[in-house]
N, C-alpha and C. Protein backbone atom coordinates (compact mmCIF):
# COMPACT_ATOMS: atom_id res chain seq x y z
N LEU A 1 -83.07 7.65 49.12
CA LEU A 1 -81.96 6.94 48.52
C LEU A 1 -81.50 7.73 47.30
N PHE A 2 -80.20 7.90 47.18
CA PHE A 2 -79.68 8.51 45.96
C PHE A 2 -78.24 8.10 45.77
N VAL A 3 -77.82 8.19 44.52
CA VAL A 3 -76.43 7.92 44.16
C VAL A 3 -75.98 9.01 43.21
N ARG A 4 -74.74 9.42 43.35
CA ARG A 4 -74.19 10.47 42.48
C ARG A 4 -72.87 9.96 41.91
N PHE A 5 -72.78 9.91 40.60
CA PHE A 5 -71.55 9.54 39.91
C PHE A 5 -70.76 10.82 39.71
N GLU A 6 -69.62 10.91 40.36
CA GLU A 6 -68.83 12.13 40.34
C GLU A 6 -67.62 11.99 39.43
N ALA A 7 -66.91 13.08 39.25
CA ALA A 7 -65.69 13.08 38.45
C ALA A 7 -64.63 12.18 39.08
N HIS A 8 -63.66 11.80 38.28
CA HIS A 8 -62.52 11.01 38.72
C HIS A 8 -62.94 9.65 39.28
N ASP A 9 -64.01 9.07 38.69
CA ASP A 9 -64.47 7.73 39.05
C ASP A 9 -64.88 7.58 40.51
N LYS A 10 -65.40 8.64 41.10
CA LYS A 10 -65.88 8.61 42.48
C LYS A 10 -67.40 8.50 42.48
N ILE A 11 -67.93 7.78 43.45
CA ILE A 11 -69.37 7.63 43.62
C ILE A 11 -69.70 7.97 45.06
N ALA A 12 -70.84 8.61 45.27
CA ALA A 12 -71.29 8.96 46.61
C ALA A 12 -72.80 8.91 46.63
N GLY A 13 -73.35 8.79 47.81
CA GLY A 13 -74.80 8.79 47.91
C GLY A 13 -75.28 8.62 49.33
N HIS A 14 -76.57 8.36 49.44
CA HIS A 14 -77.20 8.17 50.74
C HIS A 14 -78.12 6.95 50.63
N GLY A 15 -78.00 6.04 51.57
CA GLY A 15 -78.77 4.81 51.53
C GLY A 15 -80.05 4.83 52.34
N GLY A 16 -80.42 5.97 52.88
CA GLY A 16 -81.63 6.06 53.69
C GLY A 16 -81.30 6.32 55.15
N CYS A 17 -80.11 5.92 55.57
CA CYS A 17 -79.63 6.15 56.93
C CYS A 17 -78.22 6.71 56.91
N ASN A 18 -77.37 6.11 56.12
CA ASN A 18 -75.95 6.47 56.07
C ASN A 18 -75.53 6.99 54.71
N ARG A 19 -74.52 7.82 54.73
CA ARG A 19 -73.87 8.24 53.48
C ARG A 19 -72.89 7.15 53.07
N PHE A 20 -72.74 6.96 51.76
CA PHE A 20 -71.76 5.99 51.28
C PHE A 20 -70.90 6.64 50.22
N PHE A 21 -69.77 6.00 49.94
CA PHE A 21 -68.82 6.54 48.99
C PHE A 21 -67.95 5.39 48.49
N GLY A 22 -67.34 5.60 47.35
CA GLY A 22 -66.46 4.59 46.78
C GLY A 22 -66.02 5.01 45.39
N THR A 23 -65.76 4.01 44.57
CA THR A 23 -65.30 4.27 43.21
C THR A 23 -66.16 3.49 42.21
N TYR A 24 -66.05 3.89 40.96
CA TYR A 24 -66.68 3.14 39.88
C TYR A 24 -65.77 3.17 38.66
N ARG A 25 -65.99 2.20 37.77
CA ARG A 25 -65.25 2.12 36.51
C ARG A 25 -66.29 1.90 35.43
N ILE A 26 -66.24 2.73 34.39
CA ILE A 26 -67.27 2.67 33.35
C ILE A 26 -66.64 2.49 31.98
N GLY A 27 -67.30 1.70 31.15
CA GLY A 27 -66.93 1.49 29.77
C GLY A 27 -68.12 1.80 28.87
N ALA A 28 -68.07 1.35 27.64
CA ALA A 28 -69.15 1.62 26.69
C ALA A 28 -70.49 1.07 27.16
N ALA A 29 -70.50 -0.13 27.72
CA ALA A 29 -71.74 -0.73 28.22
C ALA A 29 -71.54 -1.39 29.58
N ASP A 30 -70.31 -1.39 30.07
CA ASP A 30 -70.05 -2.04 31.36
C ASP A 30 -69.80 -1.01 32.44
N LEU A 31 -70.14 -1.39 33.65
CA LEU A 31 -70.01 -0.51 34.80
C LEU A 31 -69.74 -1.37 36.03
N ALA A 32 -68.68 -1.06 36.74
CA ALA A 32 -68.37 -1.76 37.99
C ALA A 32 -68.32 -0.72 39.10
N ILE A 33 -69.04 -1.00 40.18
CA ILE A 33 -69.12 -0.08 41.31
C ILE A 33 -68.52 -0.74 42.55
N GLY A 34 -67.68 0.00 43.24
CA GLY A 34 -67.18 -0.49 44.52
C GLY A 34 -65.70 -0.75 44.48
N PRO A 35 -65.19 -1.04 45.64
CA PRO A 35 -65.95 -1.29 46.87
C PRO A 35 -66.52 0.01 47.44
N LEU A 36 -67.64 -0.14 48.17
CA LEU A 36 -68.29 0.99 48.82
C LEU A 36 -68.02 0.94 50.31
N ALA A 37 -67.95 2.11 50.92
CA ALA A 37 -67.85 2.24 52.37
C ALA A 37 -68.93 3.22 52.80
N SER A 38 -69.28 3.20 54.08
CA SER A 38 -70.33 4.09 54.54
C SER A 38 -70.08 4.54 55.97
N THR A 39 -70.83 5.58 56.34
CA THR A 39 -70.85 5.98 57.74
C THR A 39 -71.55 4.87 58.51
N ARG A 40 -71.56 4.93 59.84
CA ARG A 40 -72.04 3.80 60.64
C ARG A 40 -73.18 4.17 61.58
N LYS A 41 -74.09 5.05 61.16
CA LYS A 41 -75.24 5.38 61.99
C LYS A 41 -76.18 4.18 62.08
N ALA A 42 -76.85 4.04 63.17
CA ALA A 42 -77.86 2.99 63.33
C ALA A 42 -79.24 3.61 63.15
N CYS A 43 -80.06 2.93 62.39
CA CYS A 43 -81.44 3.38 62.15
C CYS A 43 -82.37 2.20 62.40
N GLN A 44 -83.64 2.40 62.12
CA GLN A 44 -84.61 1.32 62.28
C GLN A 44 -84.21 0.14 61.42
N PRO A 45 -84.46 -1.09 61.88
CA PRO A 45 -84.04 -2.29 61.14
C PRO A 45 -84.51 -2.32 59.68
N ALA A 46 -85.73 -1.90 59.42
CA ALA A 46 -86.24 -1.93 58.04
C ALA A 46 -85.44 -0.98 57.15
N ILE A 47 -85.08 0.18 57.66
CA ILE A 47 -84.29 1.14 56.89
C ILE A 47 -82.89 0.59 56.66
N MET A 48 -82.32 -0.02 57.68
CA MET A 48 -80.97 -0.60 57.55
C MET A 48 -80.97 -1.73 56.52
N ALA A 49 -82.01 -2.55 56.51
CA ALA A 49 -82.10 -3.66 55.55
C ALA A 49 -82.22 -3.12 54.12
N ARG A 50 -83.03 -2.09 53.94
CA ARG A 50 -83.20 -1.50 52.60
C ARG A 50 -81.88 -0.89 52.13
N GLU A 51 -81.19 -0.23 53.04
CA GLU A 51 -79.91 0.37 52.72
C GLU A 51 -78.88 -0.69 52.33
N ALA A 52 -78.81 -1.76 53.08
CA ALA A 52 -77.86 -2.85 52.77
C ALA A 52 -78.16 -3.45 51.41
N ALA A 53 -79.44 -3.64 51.10
CA ALA A 53 -79.83 -4.20 49.79
C ALA A 53 -79.47 -3.24 48.67
N PHE A 54 -79.67 -1.95 48.87
CA PHE A 54 -79.34 -0.94 47.87
C PHE A 54 -77.84 -0.94 47.57
N MET A 55 -77.03 -0.92 48.61
CA MET A 55 -75.58 -0.90 48.42
C MET A 55 -75.09 -2.20 47.81
N ALA A 56 -75.66 -3.33 48.20
CA ALA A 56 -75.26 -4.62 47.62
C ALA A 56 -75.61 -4.66 46.13
N ALA A 57 -76.77 -4.12 45.77
CA ALA A 57 -77.15 -4.08 44.35
C ALA A 57 -76.18 -3.21 43.56
N LEU A 58 -75.79 -2.08 44.11
CA LEU A 58 -74.81 -1.24 43.43
C LEU A 58 -73.51 -2.00 43.20
N GLU A 59 -73.05 -2.73 44.20
CA GLU A 59 -71.79 -3.46 44.08
C GLU A 59 -71.89 -4.67 43.15
N ARG A 60 -73.10 -5.18 42.90
CA ARG A 60 -73.28 -6.29 41.95
C ARG A 60 -73.32 -5.81 40.50
N THR A 61 -73.43 -4.51 40.30
CA THR A 61 -73.56 -3.95 38.95
C THR A 61 -72.34 -4.26 38.09
N ARG A 62 -72.62 -4.73 36.87
CA ARG A 62 -71.56 -4.98 35.89
C ARG A 62 -71.91 -4.40 34.51
N LEU A 63 -73.18 -4.13 34.29
CA LEU A 63 -73.66 -3.62 33.01
C LEU A 63 -74.66 -2.49 33.28
N TYR A 64 -74.81 -1.61 32.30
CA TYR A 64 -75.81 -0.57 32.47
C TYR A 64 -76.46 -0.24 31.14
N LEU A 65 -77.64 0.33 31.22
CA LEU A 65 -78.38 0.79 30.05
C LEU A 65 -78.97 2.14 30.42
N ARG A 66 -78.63 3.16 29.64
CA ARG A 66 -79.17 4.50 29.90
C ARG A 66 -80.16 4.84 28.81
N ASP A 67 -81.32 5.32 29.23
CA ASP A 67 -82.38 5.73 28.31
C ASP A 67 -82.89 7.08 28.80
N GLY A 68 -82.33 8.14 28.24
CA GLY A 68 -82.69 9.49 28.69
C GLY A 68 -82.26 9.69 30.12
N VAL A 69 -83.23 9.94 31.01
CA VAL A 69 -82.93 10.17 32.41
C VAL A 69 -83.04 8.89 33.25
N LYS A 70 -83.29 7.76 32.60
CA LYS A 70 -83.41 6.49 33.30
C LYS A 70 -82.13 5.67 33.14
N LEU A 71 -81.70 5.05 34.24
CA LEU A 71 -80.50 4.24 34.25
C LEU A 71 -80.86 2.88 34.84
N THR A 72 -80.65 1.82 34.07
CA THR A 72 -80.88 0.46 34.54
C THR A 72 -79.53 -0.19 34.79
N LEU A 73 -79.35 -0.70 36.00
CA LEU A 73 -78.11 -1.37 36.38
C LEU A 73 -78.37 -2.87 36.41
N LYS A 74 -77.44 -3.64 35.81
CA LYS A 74 -77.61 -5.08 35.69
C LYS A 74 -76.38 -5.80 36.24
N ASP A 75 -76.58 -7.03 36.69
CA ASP A 75 -75.45 -7.84 37.16
C ASP A 75 -74.77 -8.49 35.97
N ALA A 76 -73.78 -9.33 36.23
CA ALA A 76 -73.00 -9.95 35.15
C ALA A 76 -73.83 -10.86 34.26
N ARG A 77 -74.96 -11.38 34.77
CA ARG A 77 -75.84 -12.25 33.96
C ARG A 77 -76.87 -11.46 33.17
N GLY A 78 -76.89 -10.13 33.37
CA GLY A 78 -77.85 -9.30 32.67
C GLY A 78 -79.16 -9.12 33.42
N VAL A 79 -79.21 -9.55 34.68
CA VAL A 79 -80.41 -9.40 35.50
C VAL A 79 -80.42 -8.00 36.10
N THR A 80 -81.54 -7.30 35.98
CA THR A 80 -81.66 -5.96 36.52
C THR A 80 -81.56 -5.99 38.04
N VAL A 81 -80.66 -5.16 38.59
CA VAL A 81 -80.51 -5.07 40.04
C VAL A 81 -81.06 -3.75 40.58
N LEU A 82 -81.06 -2.71 39.76
CA LEU A 82 -81.62 -1.41 40.15
C LEU A 82 -82.10 -0.65 38.93
N ARG A 83 -83.11 0.16 39.15
CA ARG A 83 -83.55 1.13 38.15
C ARG A 83 -83.51 2.48 38.83
N LEU A 84 -82.79 3.41 38.22
CA LEU A 84 -82.61 4.74 38.79
C LEU A 84 -83.12 5.79 37.81
N ALA A 85 -83.46 6.95 38.34
CA ALA A 85 -83.88 8.07 37.49
C ALA A 85 -83.10 9.30 37.88
N GLN A 86 -82.57 10.00 36.89
CA GLN A 86 -81.82 11.23 37.11
C GLN A 86 -82.78 12.32 37.56
N THR A 87 -82.39 13.06 38.58
CA THR A 87 -83.27 14.12 39.09
C THR A 87 -82.61 15.49 39.08
N ASP A 88 -81.40 15.61 38.56
CA ASP A 88 -80.70 16.90 38.60
C ASP A 88 -80.45 17.49 37.22
N TRP A 89 -81.27 17.12 36.23
CA TRP A 89 -81.06 17.66 34.89
C TRP A 89 -81.64 19.07 34.80
N ASP A 90 -81.20 19.81 33.79
CA ASP A 90 -81.69 21.20 33.59
C ASP A 90 -82.94 21.20 32.76
């Protein structure tokens, strides 16, 4: 699983089976992701379920907290939906 925040408010990644893509909007502490779209490969049910949960969590994101290479994504109520770690730093 990975997500890449690209230039021009584009987001892309891989959910374990399919590639996904969409847009994001970021502010000082707020972040909105989506809508997301993906390729339509079929994989094992467990992988598909994990992928669906991952993409749904991304789309629920409304707030973020960055601490070095760690990124915590939260929903509108401030509940953590994902914790990510940057892996492409120099």
